[in-house]
Amino acid sequence: MKSISENEVLSAIDSLENRIEDLIKEKDQMYLENQSLKDENSELIEDYKEMKQKNSLAKDKAETILDRLNEIENSA
């Protein structure tokens, strides 16, 4: 059985501490990115709702114009 020296243990601990610090930084970065994506998603949902409403209004106006044109055509 191989004996592990104190220096090897300390080196392993330092390595683990560095990896943990890297993971914490990565987690923080991912959290910020996730928040940004959530905000962007909310904005896109609002934009979609507005566009859908505008599309509906445009469709209604187009149908009204077509109805008027049909009335004019039928009365002539």
PDB file of N, CA and C in Angstrom:
ATOM      1  N   MET A   1       0.842  -1.169   0.000  1.00  0.00           N
ATOM      2  CA  MET A   1       0.000   0.000   0.000  1.00  0.00           C
ATOM      3  C   MET A   1       0.892   1.238   0.000  1.00  0.00           C
ATOM      4  N   LYS A   2       0.538   2.180  -0.869  1.00  0.00           N
ATOM      5  CA  LYS A   2       1.363   3.373  -1.023  1.00  0.00           C
ATOM      6  C   LYS A   2       0.982   4.419   0.013  1.00  0.00           C
ATOM      7  N   SER A   3       1.984   4.993   0.612  1.00  0.00           N
ATOM      8  CA  SER A   3       1.773   6.048   1.597  1.00  0.00           C
ATOM      9  C   SER A   3       1.738   7.394   0.879  1.00  0.00           C
ATOM     10  N   ILE A   4       0.806   8.238   1.256  1.00  0.00           N
ATOM     11  CA  ILE A   4       0.675   9.564   0.651  1.00  0.00           C
ATOM     12  C   ILE A   4       1.367  10.572   1.551  1.00  0.00           C
ATOM     13  N   SER A   5       2.211  11.364   0.931  1.00  0.00           N
ATOM     14  CA  SER A   5       2.956  12.347   1.723  1.00  0.00           C
ATOM     15  C   SER A   5       2.077  13.553   2.045  1.00  0.00           C
ATOM     16  N   GLU A   6       2.516  14.277   3.030  1.00  0.00           N
ATOM     17  CA  GLU A   6       1.796  15.490   3.435  1.00  0.00           C
ATOM     18  C   GLU A   6       1.735  16.485   2.280  1.00  0.00           C
ATOM     19  N   ASN A   7       2.818  16.612   1.533  1.00  0.00           N
ATOM     20  CA  ASN A   7       2.840  17.527   0.388  1.00  0.00           C
ATOM     21  C   ASN A   7       1.825  17.127  -0.676  1.00  0.00           C
ATOM     22  N   GLU A   8       1.684  15.824  -0.899  1.00  0.00           N
ATOM     23  CA  GLU A   8       0.709  15.341  -1.881  1.00  0.00           C
ATOM     24  C   GLU A   8      -0.713  15.648  -1.419  1.00  0.00           C
ATOM     25  N   VAL A   9      -0.954  15.483  -0.136  1.00  0.00           N
ATOM     26  CA  VAL A   9      -2.278  15.792   0.421  1.00  0.00           C
ATOM     27  C   VAL A   9      -2.569  17.284   0.278  1.00  0.00           C
ATOM     28  N   LEU A  10      -1.590  18.118   0.640  1.00  0.00           N
ATOM     29  CA  LEU A  10      -1.776  19.568   0.531  1.00  0.00           C
ATOM     30  C   LEU A  10      -1.970  19.991  -0.921  1.00  0.00           C
ATOM     31  N   SER A  11      -1.233  19.368  -1.814  1.00  0.00           N
ATOM     32  CA  SER A  11      -1.370  19.661  -3.237  1.00  0.00           C
ATOM     33  C   SER A  11      -2.763  19.271  -3.735  1.00  0.00           C
ATOM     34  N   ALA A  12      -3.246  18.121  -3.298  1.00  0.00           N
ATOM     35  CA  ALA A  12      -4.584  17.665  -3.684  1.00  0.00           C
ATOM     36  C   ALA A  12      -5.648  18.609  -3.138  1.00  0.00           C
ATOM     37  N   ILE A  13      -5.458  19.064  -1.906  1.00  0.00           N
ATOM     38  CA  ILE A  13      -6.406  20.007  -1.297  1.00  0.00           C
ATOM     39  C   ILE A  13      -6.403  21.324  -2.067  1.00  0.00           C
ATOM     40  N   ASP A  14      -5.211  21.831  -2.410  1.00  0.00           N
ATOM     41  CA  ASP A  14      -5.120  23.063  -3.196  1.00  0.00           C
ATOM     42  C   ASP A  14      -5.818  22.901  -4.539  1.00  0.00           C
ATOM     43  N   SER A  15      -5.600  21.765  -5.153  1.00  0.00           N
ATOM     44  CA  SER A  15      -6.228  21.487  -6.443  1.00  0.00           C
ATOM     45  C   SER A  15      -7.752  21.473  -6.314  1.00  0.00           C
ATOM     46  N   LEU A  16      -8.247  20.834  -5.265  1.00  0.00           N
ATOM     47  CA  LEU A  16      -9.694  20.797  -5.026  1.00  0.00           C
ATOM     48  C   LEU A  16     -10.252  22.190  -4.738  1.00  0.00           C
ATOM     49  N   GLU A  17      -9.522  22.978  -3.946  1.00  0.00           N
ATOM     50  CA  GLU A  17      -9.966  24.344  -3.653  1.00  0.00           C
ATOM     51  C   GLU A  17     -10.057  25.167  -4.930  1.00  0.00           C
ATOM     52  N   ASN A  18      -9.056  25.040  -5.792  1.00  0.00           N
ATOM     53  CA  ASN A  18      -9.072  25.768  -7.059  1.00  0.00           C
ATOM     54  C   ASN A  18     -10.244  25.333  -7.932  1.00  0.00           C
ATOM     55  N   ARG A  19     -10.492  24.039  -7.970  1.00  0.00           N
ATOM     56  CA  ARG A  19     -11.608  23.518  -8.775  1.00  0.00           C
ATOM     57  C   ARG A  19     -12.938  24.014  -8.215  1.00  0.00           C
ATOM     58  N   ILE A  20     -13.067  24.023  -6.906  1.00  0.00           N
ATOM     59  CA  ILE A  20     -14.297  24.516  -6.272  1.00  0.00           C
ATOM     60  C   ILE A  20     -14.500  25.993  -6.592  1.00  0.00           C
ATOM     61  N   GLU A  21     -13.431  26.783  -6.507  1.00  0.00           N
ATOM     62  CA  GLU A  21     -13.527  28.207  -6.841  1.00  0.00           C
ATOM     63  C   GLU A  21     -13.946  28.392  -8.297  1.00  0.00           C
ATOM     64  N   ASP A  22     -13.370  27.591  -9.196  1.00  0.00           N
ATOM     65  CA  ASP A  22     -13.743  27.660 -10.613  1.00  0.00           C
ATOM     66  C   ASP A  22     -15.214  27.309 -10.812  1.00  0.00           C
ATOM     67  N   LEU A  23     -15.668  26.284 -10.114  1.00  0.00           N
ATOM     68  CA  LEU A  23     -17.070  25.870 -10.229  1.00  0.00           C
ATOM     69  C   LEU A  23     -18.015  26.939  -9.685  1.00  0.00           C
ATOM     70  N   ILE A  24     -17.627  27.592  -8.608  1.00  0.00           N
ATOM     71  CA  ILE A  24     -18.450  28.669  -8.047  1.00  0.00           C
ATOM     72  C   ILE A  24     -18.538  29.825  -9.037  1.00  0.00           C
ATOM     73  N   LYS A  25     -17.399  30.182  -9.640  1.00  0.00           N
ATOM     74  CA  LYS A  25     -17.402  31.251 -10.646  1.00  0.00           C
ATOM     75  C   LYS A  25     -18.280  30.875 -11.834  1.00  0.00           C
ATOM     76  N   GLU A  26     -18.168  29.633 -12.277  1.00  0.00           N
ATOM     77  CA  GLU A  26     -18.975  29.160 -13.400  1.00  0.00           C
ATOM     78  C   GLU A  26     -20.460  29.182 -13.045  1.00  0.00           C
ATOM     79  N   LYS A  27     -20.772  28.775 -11.824  1.00  0.00           N
ATOM     80  CA  LYS A  27     -22.165  28.795 -11.361  1.00  0.00           C
ATOM     81  C   LYS A  27     -22.704  30.213 -11.349  1.00  0.00           C
ATOM     82  N   ASP A  28     -21.907  31.155 -10.850  1.00  0.00           N
ATOM     83  CA  ASP A  28     -22.328  32.558 -10.813  1.00  0.00           C
ATOM     84  C   ASP A  28     -22.554  33.101 -12.216  1.00  0.00           C
ATOM     85  N   GLN A  29     -21.652  32.750 -13.127  1.00  0.00           N
ATOM     86  CA  GLN A  29     -21.787  33.194 -14.512  1.00  0.00           C
ATOM     87  C   GLN A  29     -23.048  32.602 -15.146  1.00  0.00           C
ATOM     88  N   MET A  30     -23.296  31.338 -14.893  1.00  0.00           N
ATOM     89  CA  MET A  30     -24.483  30.685 -15.445  1.00  0.00           C
ATOM     90  C   MET A  30     -25.758  31.278 -14.848  1.00  0.00           C
ATOM     91  N   TYR A  31     -25.715  31.634 -13.575  1.00  0.00           N
ATOM     92  CA  TYR A  31     -26.869  32.264 -12.938  1.00  0.00           C
ATOM     93  C   TYR A  31     -27.189  33.591 -13.627  1.00  0.00           C
ATOM     94  N   LEU A  32     -26.152  34.406 -13.851  1.00  0.00           N
ATOM     95  CA  LEU A  32     -26.362  35.691 -14.513  1.00  0.00           C
ATOM     96  C   LEU A  32     -26.878  35.504 -15.934  1.00  0.00           C
ATOM     97  N   GLU A  33     -26.320  34.535 -16.630  1.00  0.00           N
ATOM     98  CA  GLU A  33     -26.779  34.256 -17.994  1.00  0.00           C
ATOM     99  C   GLU A  33     -28.231  33.789 -17.983  1.00  0.00           C
ATOM    100  N   ASN A  34     -28.580  32.962 -17.022  1.00  0.00           N
ATOM    101  CA  ASN A  34     -29.954  32.475 -16.901  1.00  0.00           C
ATOM    102  C   ASN A  34     -30.917  33.632 -16.631  1.00  0.00           C
ATOM    103  N   GLN A  35     -30.532  34.537 -15.741  1.00  0.00           N
ATOM    104  CA  GLN A  35     -31.372  35.704 -15.453  1.00  0.00           C
ATOM    105  C   GLN A  35     -31.565  36.542 -16.710  1.00  0.00           C
ATOM    106  N   SER A  36     -30.481  36.738 -17.451  1.00  0.00           N
ATOM    107  CA  SER A  36     -30.545  37.510 -18.685  1.00  0.00           C
ATOM    108  C   SER A  36     -31.478  36.841 -19.691  1.00  0.00           C
ATOM    109  N   LEU A  37     -31.386  35.533 -19.811  1.00  0.00           N
ATOM    110  CA  LEU A  37     -32.256  34.797 -20.731  1.00  0.00           C
ATOM    111  C   LEU A  37     -33.715  34.859 -20.290  1.00  0.00           C
ATOM    112  N   LYS A  38     -33.955  34.810 -18.993  1.00  0.00           N
ATOM    113  CA  LYS A  38     -35.328  34.940 -18.490  1.00  0.00           C
ATOM    114  C   LYS A  38     -35.897  36.313 -18.836  1.00  0.00           C
ATOM    115  N   ASP A  39     -35.082  37.361 -18.646  1.00  0.00           N
ATOM    116  CA  ASP A  39     -35.524  38.714 -18.987  1.00  0.00           C
ATOM    117  C   ASP A  39     -35.810  38.824 -20.480  1.00  0.00           C
ATOM    118  N   GLU A  40     -34.904  38.280 -21.288  1.00  0.00           N
ATOM    119  CA  GLU A  40     -35.084  38.326 -22.740  1.00  0.00           C
ATOM    120  C   GLU A  40     -36.339  37.559 -23.145  1.00  0.00           C
ATOM    121  N   ASN A  41     -36.566  36.417 -22.509  1.00  0.00           N
ATOM    122  CA  ASN A  41     -37.747  35.618 -22.805  1.00  0.00           C
ATOM    123  C   ASN A  41     -39.023  36.388 -22.461  1.00  0.00           C
ATOM    124  N   SER A  42     -39.024  37.072 -21.338  1.00  0.00           N
ATOM    125  CA  SER A  42     -40.190  37.871 -20.948  1.00  0.00           C
ATOM    126  C   SER A  42     -40.459  38.968 -21.970  1.00  0.00           C
ATOM    127  N   GLU A  43     -39.390  39.623 -22.426  1.00  0.00           N
ATOM    128  CA  GLU A  43     -39.545  40.668 -23.439  1.00  0.00           C
ATOM    129  C   GLU A  43     -40.091  40.090 -24.736  1.00  0.00           C
ATOM    130  N   LEU A  44     -39.590  38.930 -25.134  1.00  0.00           N
ATOM    131  CA  LEU A  44     -40.063  38.301 -26.366  1.00  0.00           C
ATOM    132  C   LEU A  44     -41.530  37.894 -26.254  1.00  0.00           C
ATOM    133  N   ILE A  45     -41.930  37.433 -25.097  1.00  0.00           N
ATOM    134  CA  ILE A  45     -43.338  37.068 -24.890  1.00  0.00           C
ATOM    135  C   ILE A  45     -44.217  38.307 -25.024  1.00  0.00           C
ATOM    136  N   GLU A  46     -43.791  39.419 -24.423  1.00  0.00           N
ATOM    137  CA  GLU A  46     -44.552  40.666 -24.538  1.00  0.00           C
ATOM    138  C   GLU A  46     -44.604  41.139 -25.986  1.00  0.00           C
ATOM    139  N   ASP A  47     -43.469  41.072 -26.684  1.00  0.00           N
ATOM    140  CA  ASP A  47     -43.434  41.453 -28.101  1.00  0.00           C
ATOM    141  C   ASP A  47     -44.388  40.588 -28.911  1.00  0.00           C
ATOM    142  N   TYR A  48     -44.388  39.290 -28.631  1.00  0.00           N
ATOM    143  CA  TYR A  48     -45.274  38.371 -29.337  1.00  0.00           C
ATOM    144  C   TYR A  48     -46.740  38.738 -29.100  1.00  0.00           C
ATOM    145  N   LYS A  49     -47.083  39.039 -27.850  1.00  0.00           N
ATOM    146  CA  LYS A  49     -48.464  39.411 -27.533  1.00  0.00           C
ATOM    147  C   LYS A  49     -48.870  40.677 -28.283  1.00  0.00           C
ATOM    148  N   GLU A  50     -47.964  41.675 -28.304  1.00  0.00           N
ATOM    149  CA  GLU A  50     -48.252  42.919 -29.019  1.00  0.00           C
ATOM    150  C   GLU A  50     -48.418  42.665 -30.509  1.00  0.00           C
ATOM    151  N   MET A  51     -47.530  41.870 -31.088  1.00  0.00           N
ATOM    152  CA  MET A  51     -47.611  41.577 -32.517  1.00  0.00           C
ATOM    153  C   MET A  51     -48.881  40.806 -32.851  1.00  0.00           C
ATOM    154  N   LYS A  52     -49.253  39.895 -31.988  1.00  0.00           N
ATOM    155  CA  LYS A  52     -50.472  39.119 -32.204  1.00  0.00           C
ATOM    156  C   LYS A  52     -51.696  40.038 -32.175  1.00  0.00           C
ATOM    157  N   GLN A  53     -51.698  40.984 -31.228  1.00  0.00           N
ATOM    158  CA  GLN A  53     -52.801  41.930 -31.130  1.00  0.00           C
ATOM    159  C   GLN A  53     -52.843  42.835 -32.363  1.00  0.00           C
ATOM    160  N   LYS A  54     -51.681  43.346 -32.788  1.00  0.00           N
ATOM    161  CA  LYS A  54     -51.627  44.193 -33.981  1.00  0.00           C
ATOM    162  C   LYS A  54     -52.051  43.414 -35.218  1.00  0.00           C
ATOM    163  N   ASN A  55     -51.647  42.159 -35.299  1.00  0.00           N
ATOM    164  CA  ASN A  55     -52.033  41.315 -36.421  1.00  0.00           C
ATOM    165  C   ASN A  55     -53.549  41.133 -36.455  1.00  0.00           C
ATOM    166  N   SER A  56     -54.132  40.936 -35.293  1.00  0.00           N
ATOM    167  CA  SER A  56     -55.580  40.776 -35.207  1.00  0.00           C
ATOM    168  C   SER A  56     -56.297  42.051 -35.652  1.00  0.00           C
ATOM    169  N   LEU A  57     -55.790  43.213 -35.210  1.00  0.00           N
ATOM    170  CA  LEU A  57     -56.383  44.483 -35.626  1.00  0.00           C
ATOM    171  C   LEU A  57     -56.251  44.685 -37.127  1.00  0.00           C
ATOM    172  N   ALA A  58     -55.086  44.369 -37.682  1.00  0.00           N
ATOM    173  CA  ALA A  58     -54.872  44.511 -39.124  1.00  0.00           C
ATOM    174  C   ALA A  58     -55.802  43.579 -39.897  1.00  0.00           C
ATOM    175  N   LYS A  59     -55.984  42.372 -39.390  1.00  0.00           N
ATOM    176  CA  LYS A  59     -56.884  41.415 -40.036  1.00  0.00           C
ATOM    177  C   LYS A  59     -58.316  41.938 -40.019  1.00  0.00           C
ATOM    178  N   ASP A  60     -58.741  42.473 -38.874  1.00  0.00           N
ATOM    179  CA  ASP A  60     -60.089  43.031 -38.767  1.00  0.00           C
ATOM    180  C   ASP A  60     -60.281  44.189 -39.741  1.00  0.00           C
ATOM    181  N   LYS A  61     -59.277  45.079 -39.838  1.00  0.00           N
ATOM    182  CA  LYS A  61     -59.371  46.208 -40.766  1.00  0.00           C
ATOM    183  C   LYS A  61     -59.430  45.722 -42.206  1.00  0.00           C
ATOM    184  N   ALA A  62     -58.613  44.727 -42.543  1.00  0.00           N
ATOM    185  CA  ALA A  62     -58.610  44.186 -43.902  1.00  0.00           C
ATOM    186  C   ALA A  62     -59.962  43.558 -44.227  1.00  0.00           C
ATOM    187  N   GLU A  63     -60.531  42.833 -43.283  1.00  0.00           N
ATOM    188  CA  GLU A  63     -61.846  42.229 -43.503  1.00  0.00           C
ATOM    189  C   GLU A  63     -62.915  43.302 -43.680  1.00  0.00           C
ATOM    190  N   THR A  64     -62.833  44.386 -42.905  1.00  0.00           N
ATOM    191  CA  THR A  64     -63.785  45.491 -43.032  1.00  0.00           C
ATOM    192  C   THR A  64     -63.671  46.129 -44.412  1.00  0.00           C
ATOM    193  N   ILE A  65     -62.458  46.348 -44.869  1.00  0.00           N
ATOM    194  CA  ILE A  65     -62.246  46.938 -46.197  1.00  0.00           C
ATOM    195  C   ILE A  65     -62.795  46.013 -47.277  1.00  0.00           C
ATOM    196  N   LEU A  66     -62.523  44.716 -47.163  1.00  0.00           N
ATOM    197  CA  LEU A  66     -63.046  43.761 -48.146  1.00  0.00           C
ATOM    198  C   LEU A  66     -64.570  43.730 -48.134  1.00  0.00           C
ATOM    199  N   ASP A  67     -65.163  43.789 -46.956  1.00  0.00           N
ATOM    200  CA  ASP A  67     -66.627  43.823 -46.860  1.00  0.00           C
ATOM    201  C   ASP A  67     -67.178  45.066 -47.548  1.00  0.00           C
ATOM    202  N   ARG A  68     -66.544  46.213 -47.323  1.00  0.00           N
ATOM    203  CA  ARG A  68     -66.989  47.455 -47.967  1.00  0.00           C
ATOM    204  C   ARG A  68     -66.846  47.364 -49.479  1.00  0.00           C
ATOM    205  N   LEU A  69     -65.739  46.815 -49.943  1.00  0.00           N
ATOM    206  CA  LEU A  69     -65.536  46.663 -51.386  1.00  0.00           C
ATOM    207  C   LEU A  69     -66.596  45.742 -51.982  1.00  0.00           C
ATOM    208  N   ASN A  70     -66.920  44.667 -51.279  1.00  0.00           N
ATOM    209  CA  ASN A  70     -67.966  43.757 -51.756  1.00  0.00           C
ATOM    210  C   ASN A  70     -69.320  44.458 -51.799  1.00  0.00           C
ATOM    211  N   GLU A  71     -69.610  45.303 -50.789  1.00  0.00           N
ATOM    212  CA  GLU A  71     -70.864  46.055 -50.774  1.00  0.00           C
ATOM    213  C   GLU A  71     -70.929  47.013 -51.958  1.00  0.00           C
ATOM    214  N   ILE A  72     -69.826  47.706 -52.215  1.00  0.00           N
ATOM    215  CA  ILE A  72     -69.776  48.644 -53.348  1.00  0.00           C
ATOM    216  C   ILE A  72     -69.957  47.889 -54.654  1.00  0.00           C
ATOM    217  N   GLU A  73     -69.281  46.744 -54.770  1.00  0.00           N
ATOM    218  CA  GLU A  73     -69.376  45.942 -55.989  1.00  0.00           C
ATOM    219  C   GLU A  73     -70.796  45.427 -56.192  1.00  0.00           C
ATOM    220  N   ASN A  74     -71.452  45.006 -55.126  1.00  0.00           N
ATOM    221  CA  ASN A  74     -72.807  44.469 -55.223  1.00  0.00           C
ATOM    222  C   ASN A  74     -73.843  45.557 -55.482  1.00  0.00           C
ATOM    223  N   SER A  75     -73.581  46.784 -55.033  1.00  0.00           N
ATOM    224  CA  SER A  75     -74.558  47.859 -55.231  1.00  0.00           C
ATOM    225  C   SER A  75     -74.405  48.515 -56.597  1.00  0.00           C
ATOM    226  N   ALA A  76     -73.333  48.247 -57.298  1.00  0.00           N
ATOM    227  CA  ALA A  76     -73.111  48.883 -58.609  1.00  0.00           C
ATOM    228  C   ALA A  76     -73.783  48.155 -59.729  1.00  0.00           C
TER     229      ALA A  76
END
